[in-house]
N, C-alpha and C. Protein backbone atom coordinates (compact mmCIF):
# COMPACT_ATOMS: atom_id res chain seq x y z
N UNK A 1 -13.23 38.78 26.15
CA UNK A 1 -11.96 37.89 25.97
C UNK A 1 -11.86 36.25 27.06
N UNK A 2 -12.16 36.02 28.13
CA UNK A 2 -11.96 35.27 28.81
C UNK A 2 -13.47 33.80 27.83
N UNK A 3 -14.28 33.78 26.99
CA UNK A 3 -14.55 32.97 26.25
C UNK A 3 -14.05 32.25 25.00
N UNK A 4 -13.00 34.29 24.48
CA UNK A 4 -11.61 32.94 23.51
C UNK A 4 -10.62 32.57 24.08
N UNK A 5 -10.54 32.33 25.24
CA UNK A 5 -9.26 31.78 25.87
C UNK A 5 -9.93 29.93 26.17
N UNK A 6 -10.95 30.02 26.55
CA UNK A 6 -11.65 29.31 26.30
C UNK A 6 -12.64 28.21 25.05
N UNK A 7 -12.35 28.94 24.47
CA UNK A 7 -12.41 28.74 23.01
C UNK A 7 -11.55 27.72 22.50
N UNK A 8 -10.56 28.71 22.61
CA UNK A 8 -9.11 27.65 22.56
C UNK A 8 -7.99 27.25 23.50
N UNK A 9 -8.49 26.99 24.50
CA UNK A 9 -8.92 25.81 25.63
C UNK A 9 -8.93 24.75 24.75
N UNK A 10 -10.69 24.98 24.35
CA UNK A 10 -11.65 23.52 23.87
C UNK A 10 -10.64 23.29 22.60
N UNK A 11 -10.79 24.07 21.53
CA UNK A 11 -10.05 23.95 20.76
C UNK A 11 -9.13 22.78 21.00
N UNK A 12 -8.04 23.89 21.33
CA UNK A 12 -6.63 22.90 21.63
C UNK A 12 -6.43 21.39 22.15
N UNK A 13 -6.75 21.01 23.28
CA UNK A 13 -7.76 20.44 23.68
C UNK A 13 -8.13 19.18 22.90
N UNK A 14 -9.16 19.75 21.76
CA UNK A 14 -9.71 18.75 21.44
C UNK A 14 -9.04 18.41 19.71
N UNK A 15 -8.22 18.92 19.22
CA UNK A 15 -6.70 18.34 18.16
C UNK A 15 -6.00 18.01 18.72
N UNK A 16 -5.76 17.80 20.11
CA UNK A 16 -4.58 17.23 19.95
C UNK A 16 -5.69 15.26 20.40
N UNK A 17 -6.27 14.97 21.13
CA UNK A 17 -7.41 14.06 21.28
C UNK A 17 -7.69 13.47 19.90
N UNK A 18 -7.67 14.13 18.45
CA UNK A 18 -7.06 13.54 16.68
C UNK A 18 -6.06 13.36 16.60
N UNK A 19 -5.24 14.03 17.20
CA UNK A 19 -3.54 13.98 16.93
C UNK A 19 -3.59 12.89 17.16
N UNK A 20 -3.74 12.22 18.43
CA UNK A 20 -3.38 11.11 18.99
C UNK A 20 -4.13 9.83 18.63
N UNK A 21 -5.37 10.38 18.23
CA UNK A 21 -5.93 8.92 17.69
C UNK A 21 -5.33 8.82 15.71
N UNK A 22 -4.96 10.22 15.45
CA UNK A 22 -4.39 10.49 14.39
C UNK A 22 -3.11 9.20 13.79
N UNK A 23 -2.27 9.45 15.04
CA UNK A 23 -1.40 8.61 15.44
C UNK A 23 -0.90 7.03 15.24
N UNK A 24 -2.21 7.11 16.24
CA UNK A 24 -2.86 5.76 16.79
C UNK A 24 -2.94 4.72 14.70
N UNK A 25 -3.98 5.76 14.16
CA UNK A 25 -3.81 4.84 12.70
C UNK A 25 -3.01 4.54 11.24
N UNK A 26 -2.08 5.54 11.70
CA UNK A 26 -0.93 5.69 10.55
C UNK A 26 -0.02 4.46 11.68
N UNK A 27 0.00 4.88 12.88
CA UNK A 27 1.02 3.55 13.32
C UNK A 27 0.81 2.30 12.48
N UNK A 28 -0.47 1.76 12.96
CA UNK A 28 -1.21 0.95 11.94
C UNK A 28 -0.56 0.34 10.63
N UNK A 29 -1.27 1.82 10.09
CA UNK A 29 -1.06 1.54 8.61
C UNK A 29 0.76 1.69 7.97
N UNK A 30 1.73 1.78 8.88
CA UNK A 30 2.90 1.93 9.03
C UNK A 30 3.47 0.15 9.12
N UNK A 31 2.88 -0.36 9.73
CA UNK A 31 3.01 -1.10 10.48
C UNK A 31 2.67 -1.92 9.03
N UNK A 32 1.27 -2.20 8.44
CA UNK A 32 1.00 -3.09 7.32
C UNK A 32 1.77 -2.92 6.36
N UNK A 33 2.49 -1.21 6.20
CA UNK A 33 3.28 -1.58 5.20
C UNK A 33 4.32 -2.27 5.28
N UNK A 34 5.15 -2.15 6.37
CA UNK A 34 6.26 -2.81 7.17
C UNK A 34 6.66 -4.06 6.78
N UNK A 35 5.02 -4.87 7.24
CA UNK A 35 5.36 -6.55 7.76
C UNK A 35 4.94 -6.43 5.35
N UNK A 36 4.97 -5.82 4.72
CA UNK A 36 4.25 -6.46 3.11
C UNK A 36 5.87 -6.32 2.81
N UNK A 37 6.32 -5.19 3.31
CA UNK A 37 7.52 -4.87 2.52
C UNK A 37 9.02 -5.80 3.43
N UNK A 38 8.56 -6.10 4.57
CA UNK A 38 9.23 -7.02 4.74
C UNK A 38 9.34 -8.79 4.09
N UNK A 39 7.88 -8.85 3.65
CA UNK A 39 7.80 -9.89 3.34
C UNK A 39 8.38 -10.11 2.08
N UNK A 40 8.06 -8.98 1.35
CA UNK A 40 9.15 -9.08 0.04
C UNK A 40 10.98 -9.35 -0.16
N UNK A 41 11.05 -8.10 0.98
CA UNK A 41 12.33 -9.26 1.04
C UNK A 41 12.84 -10.35 1.57
N UNK A 42 11.56 -10.83 1.93
CA UNK A 42 12.04 -12.24 2.11
C UNK A 42 11.85 -13.40 1.23
N UNK A 43 11.03 -12.69 0.21
CA UNK A 43 10.92 -13.39 -1.40
C UNK A 43 11.67 -13.43 -1.86
N UNK A 44 12.56 -12.14 -2.36
CA UNK A 44 13.71 -11.62 -2.98
C UNK A 44 15.18 -12.72 -2.90
N UNK A 45 15.12 -12.12 -1.03
CA UNK A 45 16.41 -13.39 -0.78
C UNK A 45 15.68 -14.82 -0.98
N UNK A 46 15.43 -14.55 -0.24
CA UNK A 46 14.52 -16.21 -0.03
C UNK A 46 14.75 -17.37 -1.82
N UNK A 47 14.21 -16.52 -2.18
CA UNK A 47 13.47 -17.48 -3.94
C UNK A 47 13.95 -17.23 -5.04
N UNK A 48 14.60 -15.96 -4.53
CA UNK A 48 15.12 -14.94 -5.83
C UNK A 48 16.61 -14.80 -5.69
N UNK A 49 16.94 -15.00 -4.78
CA UNK A 49 18.60 -15.41 -3.94
C UNK A 49 19.56 -13.97 -4.75
N UNK A 50 18.48 -13.18 -4.32
CA UNK A 50 19.72 -12.05 -4.59
C UNK A 50 19.98 -10.93 -3.45
N UNK A 51 20.81 -10.20 -3.88
CA UNK A 51 22.16 -9.96 -2.32
C UNK A 51 21.20 -9.15 -1.76
N UNK A 52 21.93 -9.25 -0.83
CA UNK A 52 20.13 -8.09 0.43
C UNK A 52 20.37 -6.57 -0.64
N UNK A 53 21.30 -5.83 -0.48
CA UNK A 53 21.50 -4.53 -1.40
C UNK A 53 20.47 -4.82 -2.50
N UNK A 54 20.23 -5.83 -3.29
CA UNK A 54 19.77 -5.40 -4.76
C UNK A 54 18.57 -5.91 -4.09
N UNK A 55 18.25 -6.75 -2.86
CA UNK A 55 16.92 -7.21 -2.44
C UNK A 55 15.99 -5.74 -1.95
N UNK A 56 16.83 -4.92 -1.27
CA UNK A 56 16.44 -3.96 -0.67
C UNK A 56 15.95 -3.02 -1.96
N UNK A 57 16.81 -2.78 -2.16
CA UNK A 57 16.75 -1.54 -3.54
C UNK A 57 15.25 -2.09 -4.82
N UNK A 58 15.04 -3.31 -5.12
CA UNK A 58 14.43 -3.62 -5.87
C UNK A 58 13.58 -3.80 -4.99
N UNK A 59 12.48 -3.74 -3.17
CA UNK A 59 11.45 -3.67 -2.84
C UNK A 59 11.61 -2.03 -2.52
N UNK A 60 12.15 -1.74 -2.58
CA UNK A 60 11.91 -0.57 -2.29
C UNK A 60 11.39 0.33 -3.67
N UNK A 61 11.60 -0.11 -4.22
CA UNK A 61 11.26 0.40 -5.56
C UNK A 61 10.24 0.31 -5.82
N UNK A 62 9.48 -1.05 -5.54
CA UNK A 62 8.18 -1.90 -5.73
C UNK A 62 7.51 -0.25 -5.15
N UNK A 63 7.43 -0.71 -3.74
CA UNK A 63 6.82 -0.38 -2.52
C UNK A 63 6.62 1.79 -2.61
N UNK A 64 7.35 1.90 -3.01
CA UNK A 64 7.81 3.00 -3.31
C UNK A 64 6.50 3.65 -4.67
N UNK A 65 6.47 2.29 -5.16
CA UNK A 65 6.01 3.17 -7.21
C UNK A 65 4.20 2.88 -6.46
N UNK A 66 3.99 1.91 -5.61
CA UNK A 66 3.08 1.50 -5.34
C UNK A 66 2.10 2.45 -4.10
N UNK A 67 2.95 2.67 -3.16
CA UNK A 67 2.54 3.02 -1.98
C UNK A 67 2.60 5.50 -1.66
N UNK A 68 3.42 5.56 -3.00
CA UNK A 68 3.09 6.86 -2.86
C UNK A 68 2.28 7.78 -3.06
N UNK A 69 1.44 6.94 -4.08
CA UNK A 69 0.16 8.14 -3.65
C UNK A 69 -0.83 8.16 -2.38
N UNK A 70 -0.15 7.85 -1.36
CA UNK A 70 -0.43 7.19 -0.03
C UNK A 70 0.11 8.25 1.10
N UNK A 71 0.76 8.30 0.63
CA UNK A 71 1.65 9.37 1.70
C UNK A 71 2.67 7.94 2.37
N UNK A 72 3.32 7.53 1.91
CA UNK A 72 3.73 6.29 2.78
C UNK A 72 4.97 5.49 2.39
N UNK A 73 5.96 7.00 2.55
CA UNK A 73 7.23 6.92 1.57
C UNK A 73 7.99 6.80 2.08
N UNK A 74 7.89 7.34 3.84
CA UNK A 74 9.80 6.89 4.67
C UNK A 74 9.53 5.29 4.10
N UNK A 75 8.97 5.08 4.68
CA UNK A 75 9.88 3.26 4.65
C UNK A 75 10.50 2.76 2.87
N UNK A 76 10.28 2.84 2.45
CA UNK A 76 10.83 2.62 0.81
C UNK A 76 11.45 3.38 0.42
N UNK A 77 12.22 4.63 1.14
CA UNK A 77 13.16 5.50 0.84
C UNK A 77 14.30 4.84 1.57
N UNK A 78 13.91 4.53 3.05
CA UNK A 78 14.58 3.74 4.11
C UNK A 78 14.82 2.57 3.35
N UNK A 79 14.59 2.21 2.25
CA UNK A 79 14.92 0.74 1.94
C UNK A 79 16.40 0.70 1.46
N UNK A 80 15.34 2.05 0.38
CA UNK A 80 16.43 2.17 -1.04
C UNK A 80 17.58 3.00 -0.07
N UNK A 81 18.15 4.27 0.99
CA UNK A 81 19.26 4.67 1.03
C UNK A 81 19.84 3.81 1.86
N UNK A 82 19.54 2.42 2.39
CA UNK A 82 20.30 1.24 3.14
C UNK A 82 21.15 0.72 1.83
N UNK A 83 20.29 0.15 0.74
CA UNK A 83 20.62 -0.47 -0.31
C UNK A 83 22.24 0.92 -0.69
N UNK A 84 21.73 2.28 -0.70
CA UNK A 84 22.52 2.69 -1.75
C UNK A 84 23.52 2.54 -1.33
N UNK A 85 23.48 3.64 0.29
CA UNK A 85 25.16 3.06 0.68
C UNK A 85 25.60 1.36 0.73
N UNK A 86 24.85 1.02 0.40
CA UNK A 86 25.93 -0.71 0.79
C UNK A 86 26.32 -1.12 -0.51
N UNK A 87 25.89 -0.34 -1.88
CA UNK A 87 26.80 -0.29 -2.85
C UNK A 87 27.35 0.45 -3.86
N UNK A 88 27.44 1.92 -2.10
CA UNK A 88 28.73 2.34 -2.59
C UNK A 88 29.38 1.49 -1.65
N UNK A 89 30.34 1.16 -0.86
CA UNK A 89 31.20 0.18 -0.57
C UNK A 89 31.97 0.69 0.26
N UNK A 90 31.56 1.88 1.13
CA UNK A 90 32.18 2.48 2.04
C UNK A 90 32.95 2.22 2.97
N UNK A 91 32.99 0.50 2.88
CA UNK A 91 33.46 -0.34 4.21
C UNK A 91 32.53 -0.92 5.86
N UNK A 92 31.57 0.11 5.61
CA UNK A 92 31.31 -0.26 6.90
C UNK A 92 30.17 -1.40 7.36
N UNK A 93 29.64 -1.61 8.25
CA UNK A 93 28.76 -3.04 8.28
C UNK A 93 27.14 -2.50 8.21
N UNK A 94 27.23 -3.88 7.72
CA UNK A 94 25.88 -3.73 7.43
C UNK A 94 24.26 -3.36 8.12
N UNK A 95 24.71 -3.94 9.71
CA UNK A 95 23.92 -3.33 11.24
C UNK A 95 24.31 -1.75 11.36
N UNK A 96 25.68 -1.27 11.25
CA UNK A 96 25.61 0.29 10.84
C UNK A 96 24.80 1.23 10.08
N UNK A 97 25.02 0.99 8.96
CA UNK A 97 24.01 1.40 7.68
C UNK A 97 21.83 1.71 8.59
N UNK A 98 22.63 0.28 9.00
CA UNK A 98 20.74 0.04 9.32
C UNK A 98 20.38 0.68 10.08
N UNK A 99 21.66 1.09 11.20
CA UNK A 99 21.16 1.71 12.65
C UNK A 99 21.34 3.52 12.15
N UNK A 100 22.41 3.76 11.62
CA UNK A 100 22.30 5.29 11.20
C UNK A 100 21.20 5.56 10.27
N UNK A 101 20.79 4.80 9.00
CA UNK A 101 19.14 5.84 8.65
C UNK A 101 18.35 5.03 8.91
N UNK A 102 18.06 4.30 10.02
CA UNK A 102 17.13 4.55 10.84
C UNK A 102 16.76 5.92 11.60
N UNK A 103 18.15 6.25 11.66
CA UNK A 103 18.20 7.32 12.88
C UNK A 103 16.90 8.64 11.36
N UNK A 104 16.81 8.64 11.03
CA UNK A 104 16.44 9.32 9.41
C UNK A 104 14.57 9.14 9.26
N UNK A 105 14.47 8.32 10.33
CA UNK A 105 12.62 7.27 10.45
C UNK A 105 12.26 8.37 11.94
N UNK A 106 13.17 9.30 12.75
CA UNK A 106 13.14 9.25 13.87
C UNK A 106 11.62 10.31 13.97
N UNK A 107 11.28 10.85 13.05
CA UNK A 107 9.28 11.33 12.34
C UNK A 107 8.85 10.51 12.18
N UNK A 108 7.95 9.81 13.16
CA UNK A 108 7.05 8.64 13.05
C UNK A 108 5.98 8.08 13.86
N UNK A 109 5.33 6.92 13.34
CA UNK A 109 3.91 7.04 14.00
C UNK A 109 4.92 5.86 15.18
N UNK A 110 6.47 5.34 14.54
CA UNK A 110 6.50 4.09 14.95
C UNK A 110 7.15 4.43 16.51
N UNK A 111 6.55 3.69 17.06
CA UNK A 111 7.10 3.18 19.07
C UNK A 111 8.96 2.72 18.71
N UNK A 112 9.06 3.50 19.70
CA UNK A 112 10.30 3.30 19.85
C UNK A 112 10.32 1.29 20.31
N UNK A 113 9.25 0.71 20.97
CA UNK A 113 9.96 -0.04 21.31
C UNK A 113 9.59 -1.11 19.37
N UNK A 114 8.66 -0.31 18.33
CA UNK A 114 8.68 -0.70 17.13
C UNK A 114 9.71 -0.68 16.76
N UNK A 115 11.06 0.63 16.74
CA UNK A 115 11.35 0.71 15.90
C UNK A 115 13.32 -0.11 16.77
N UNK A 116 12.37 -0.40 18.35
CA UNK A 116 14.03 -1.30 18.38
C UNK A 116 14.33 -2.80 17.95
N UNK A 117 12.43 -3.34 17.18
CA UNK A 117 12.33 -4.33 16.22
C UNK A 117 13.51 -4.57 15.38
N UNK A 118 12.59 -3.29 14.76
CA UNK A 118 13.31 -3.22 13.16
C UNK A 118 15.27 -2.66 13.68
N UNK A 119 15.59 -2.50 14.10
CA UNK A 119 17.12 -2.23 14.61
C UNK A 119 17.34 -3.67 15.05
N UNK A 120 17.02 -4.47 15.45
CA UNK A 120 17.30 -5.76 15.97
C UNK A 120 17.56 -6.10 14.67
N UNK A 121 15.72 -6.50 13.51
CA UNK A 121 16.40 -7.57 12.28
C UNK A 121 17.74 -7.38 11.39
N UNK A 122 17.28 -5.65 12.09
CA UNK A 122 19.47 -5.33 11.05
C UNK A 122 20.26 -5.14 11.44
N UNK A 123 20.23 -5.26 12.47
CA UNK A 123 21.48 -6.54 13.04
C UNK A 123 21.68 -7.73 12.62
N UNK A 124 20.34 -9.09 12.19
CA UNK A 124 20.65 -10.00 11.99
C UNK A 124 20.83 -10.21 10.76
N UNK A 125 20.62 -9.54 9.91
CA UNK A 125 20.36 -9.36 8.92
C UNK A 125 21.78 -8.94 7.78
N UNK A 126 21.90 -9.57 6.65
CA UNK A 126 23.65 -9.34 5.86
C UNK A 126 24.23 -10.55 6.01
N UNK A 127 24.61 -10.85 7.42
CA UNK A 127 25.90 -11.49 7.21
C UNK A 127 24.98 -13.43 7.63
N UNK A 128 24.45 -13.19 8.10
CA UNK A 128 24.10 -14.87 8.49
C UNK A 128 23.69 -15.78 7.37
N UNK A 129 24.03 -16.72 7.10
CA UNK A 129 23.84 -17.73 6.10
C UNK A 129 21.70 -17.77 6.02
N UNK A 130 21.69 -17.98 4.65
CA UNK A 130 20.11 -18.21 3.58
C UNK A 130 18.36 -18.77 5.32
N UNK A 131 19.56 -19.50 5.68
CA UNK A 131 18.26 -20.03 7.06
C UNK A 131 18.30 -19.09 7.78
N UNK A 132 19.83 -18.92 8.52
CA UNK A 132 19.30 -17.92 9.29
C UNK A 132 18.52 -16.84 9.20
N UNK A 133 18.61 -15.97 8.02
CA UNK A 133 18.00 -15.15 7.69
C UNK A 133 16.72 -14.74 7.75
N UNK A 134 16.25 -16.07 7.12
CA UNK A 134 14.99 -16.33 6.44
C UNK A 134 14.66 -16.65 8.36
N UNK A 135 14.98 -16.94 9.38
CA UNK A 135 14.27 -17.55 10.70
C UNK A 135 13.59 -16.33 11.41
N UNK A 136 15.30 -14.97 11.32
CA UNK A 136 15.15 -13.89 11.59
C UNK A 136 13.82 -12.84 10.84
N UNK A 137 14.04 -13.01 9.89
CA UNK A 137 12.73 -12.30 9.18
C UNK A 137 11.08 -12.88 9.27
N UNK A 138 11.49 -14.60 9.30
CA UNK A 138 9.59 -14.89 10.27
C UNK A 138 9.81 -14.66 11.54
N UNK A 139 10.70 -14.94 12.70
CA UNK A 139 10.79 -13.95 13.94
C UNK A 139 9.52 -11.94 14.07
N UNK A 140 10.46 -11.49 13.01
CA UNK A 140 10.39 -10.22 13.54
C UNK A 140 8.63 -10.21 12.70
N UNK A 141 8.77 -11.05 10.65
CA UNK A 141 7.07 -10.72 10.76
C UNK A 141 6.44 -11.63 11.75
N UNK A 142 6.62 -11.85 12.95
CA UNK A 142 5.67 -12.80 14.21
C UNK A 142 5.23 -11.68 14.58
N UNK A 143 6.82 -10.56 15.37
CA UNK A 143 6.71 -9.87 16.20
C UNK A 143 5.42 -8.49 15.40
N UNK A 144 5.61 -8.08 14.02
CA UNK A 144 4.24 -7.25 13.42
C UNK A 144 3.21 -8.01 13.16
N UNK A 145 2.63 -8.90 13.18
CA UNK A 145 1.27 -9.61 13.43
C UNK A 145 0.96 -9.47 14.45
N UNK A 146 1.51 -9.62 15.50
CA UNK A 146 1.22 -9.33 16.78
C UNK A 146 0.64 -7.66 17.25
N UNK A 147 1.53 -6.59 17.16
CA UNK A 147 1.54 -5.93 17.16
C UNK A 147 0.24 -4.81 15.91
N UNK A 148 0.57 -5.85 14.77
CA UNK A 148 -1.63 -5.33 14.21
C UNK A 148 -2.10 -6.07 14.62
N UNK A 149 -2.07 -6.85 14.76
CA UNK A 149 -3.15 -7.35 15.19
C UNK A 149 -3.77 -7.29 16.46
N UNK A 150 -3.25 -6.24 17.12
CA UNK A 150 -3.21 -5.92 18.44
C UNK A 150 -3.61 -3.79 18.13
N UNK A 151 -3.70 -3.29 17.40
CA UNK A 151 -3.44 -2.39 16.80
C UNK A 151 -4.60 -2.47 16.57
N UNK A 152 -5.05 -3.26 14.78
CA UNK A 152 -6.61 -3.32 14.45
C UNK A 152 -7.98 -3.80 15.44
N UNK A 153 -7.45 -4.60 16.45
CA UNK A 153 -8.41 -5.40 17.57
C UNK A 153 -8.87 -3.95 18.43
N UNK A 154 -8.07 -2.68 18.66
CA UNK A 154 -8.08 -1.84 19.17
C UNK A 154 -8.16 -0.49 19.01
N UNK A 155 -8.21 -0.10 17.60
CA UNK A 155 -8.78 0.88 16.89
C UNK A 155 -9.90 1.51 17.34
N UNK A 156 -10.76 0.55 16.65
CA UNK A 156 -12.15 1.70 17.00
C UNK A 156 -12.06 2.22 18.72
N UNK A 157 -12.00 1.19 19.56
CA UNK A 157 -12.54 1.89 20.43
C UNK A 157 -11.51 2.66 21.17
N UNK A 158 -10.02 2.68 20.69
CA UNK A 158 -8.34 3.51 21.14
C UNK A 158 -8.90 5.16 20.37
N UNK A 159 -9.34 5.03 19.20
CA UNK A 159 -9.43 6.14 18.24
C UNK A 159 -11.30 7.17 19.14
N UNK A 160 -11.48 6.03 19.35
CA UNK A 160 -13.59 7.09 19.73
C UNK A 160 -12.48 7.62 21.66
N UNK A 161 -12.06 6.67 21.87
CA UNK A 161 -10.90 7.09 23.64
C UNK A 161 -10.46 7.92 23.24
N UNK A 162 -9.26 8.68 22.15
CA UNK A 162 -8.74 9.60 22.84
C UNK A 162 -9.65 11.00 22.07
N UNK A 163 -10.17 10.77 20.45
CA UNK A 163 -10.86 11.59 20.92
C UNK A 163 -12.16 12.71 21.67
N UNK A 164 -12.53 11.37 22.23
CA UNK A 164 -13.76 11.80 23.39
C UNK A 164 -12.89 12.70 24.55
N UNK A 165 -11.74 11.40 24.76
CA UNK A 165 -10.90 12.37 25.96
C UNK A 165 -10.15 13.70 25.65
N UNK A 166 -9.82 14.33 24.07
CA UNK A 166 -9.50 15.27 24.05
C UNK A 166 -10.75 16.72 24.53
N UNK A 167 -11.80 16.33 23.60
CA UNK A 167 -12.96 17.19 23.87
C UNK A 167 -13.18 17.46 24.90
N UNK A 168 -13.68 16.10 26.13
CA UNK A 168 -13.81 16.39 27.51
C UNK A 168 -13.03 16.61 28.72
N UNK A 169 -11.61 16.75 27.94
CA UNK A 169 -10.56 17.03 28.95
C UNK A 169 -10.64 18.63 28.44
N UNK A 170 -10.90 19.57 26.94
CA UNK A 170 -11.01 20.76 26.71
C UNK A 170 -11.95 20.88 28.15
N UNK A 171 -13.30 20.02 27.47
CA UNK A 171 -14.05 21.01 28.63
C UNK A 171 -13.90 21.32 30.10
N UNK A 172 -12.97 19.74 30.38
CA UNK A 172 -13.48 20.25 31.92
C UNK A 172 -12.16 21.70 32.45
N UNK A 173 -11.60 21.21 31.86
CA UNK A 173 -10.22 22.80 31.96
C UNK A 173 -10.58 23.39 31.61
N UNK A 174 -11.43 23.99 30.48
CA UNK A 174 -12.48 25.37 30.40
C UNK A 174 -12.77 25.49 31.98
N UNK A 175 -13.87 24.52 32.04
CA UNK A 175 -14.76 24.86 33.18
C UNK A 175 -13.79 24.57 34.69
N UNK A 176 -13.02 23.99 34.93
CA UNK A 176 -12.06 24.88 35.81
C UNK A 176 -11.05 25.65 35.96
N UNK A 177 -11.12 26.35 34.97
CA UNK A 177 -10.60 27.79 34.28
C UNK A 177 -11.36 28.96 34.59
N UNK A 178 -12.78 28.41 34.89
CA UNK A 178 -13.64 30.05 34.35
C UNK A 178 -14.38 29.79 35.73
């Protein structure tokens, strides 16, 4: 019976390590997709002179079709839901709609810092002139590039670290309990 418990401890700690490594990889994929979507949004607003709700809808549709098979559907659906709420014209401010729809992204690999930066982007879109919107989008893209660069640089070592810590932590805990 002790060996079964020891095996379960090792298995659960190992799975915790693999889960943490998976979250690191997924955060990188989400931020890369978000960067692509913001580039598309910038193009729609600046070069297509598209209204924000229509630009969000186009970007959401485009990325939903492209990313649907990879399992990264929440961000395009977020853009589509924001665009849909703007289209309904319920008298809400854009930043309020953006923040409320961000609540749907609670279960995501994004960190609180990532979510805060995304909320700040929503606070500064929609009511500024074209030049200020471009600057805000470029600032956010710069922040995303820094985060993505950091994640890519440390991806291999961090995933190896998390999986090794999970396995070794499980073995250590098992030895300590036996």
